[in-house]
Amino acid sequence: MGERVIGHIDGVVPGAVFPRRTDVKRANLHSDTMRGISRLKDTDGSYVADAIVLNGGYEDDEDDWISIKYTGASPDKDKSKDGKRLLRSQSWEYRDNAALKLSFEREYPIRILRGPEGDSRYSLPGNYRYDGLYQITASRTAFSKSPAPDGSRIERAGEAGGAPQGGVGTDFRRPGQS
């Protein structure tokens, strides 16, 4: 397989299926076997996102194949025990979200992988699939479906440039789709 780069990986075509996250990593489609956001060093030394895995990570993620609303990432201390709900507002300062934001600003495409726990309309039972490149089209402000333990609203997204506690909420679209 080709080296990790922005865009497609040589030798891996959209639709390729992998039984485990370790196989996805070995194919250089994603940098990690657990995190949703993959990042790599760009030519200027800063980290940018190159891929995401949709695998049922957060209750707020939305996937309709052509477009995706992706919640972003949070440290474990900011998530519920099952990892599906946010307990605190997200931040653009968190390393994975910062990389995703920089990819948005640089207009880099992102590799989309769907895992077995993602939306059942598009995910394969027991496998991961590479579904090609998507373009980040927006960052947005929204609130989580579930409130924080104290009942307050949780920001799960921020405008590019950031509200004081803006997190990451990113919209993706398959190129050529409107």
Foldseek 3Di string as FASTA:
>chain_A
DAAADAFDGPPADFFDKALALVVCVVSNQAVDRPAQWGWDQDPVRAIATRAGEAALQEPPWDDPPFKIKDLWDDPPVQADPVRHYGQAAAACPPRRNVRHLVCLVVFTWHWYKYEQRGDPVPHDHSIIGTRGTWTWDAWDWDWGPDDHPVRHTYTRTAHSVGDPRGHTIIMIGHPPDD
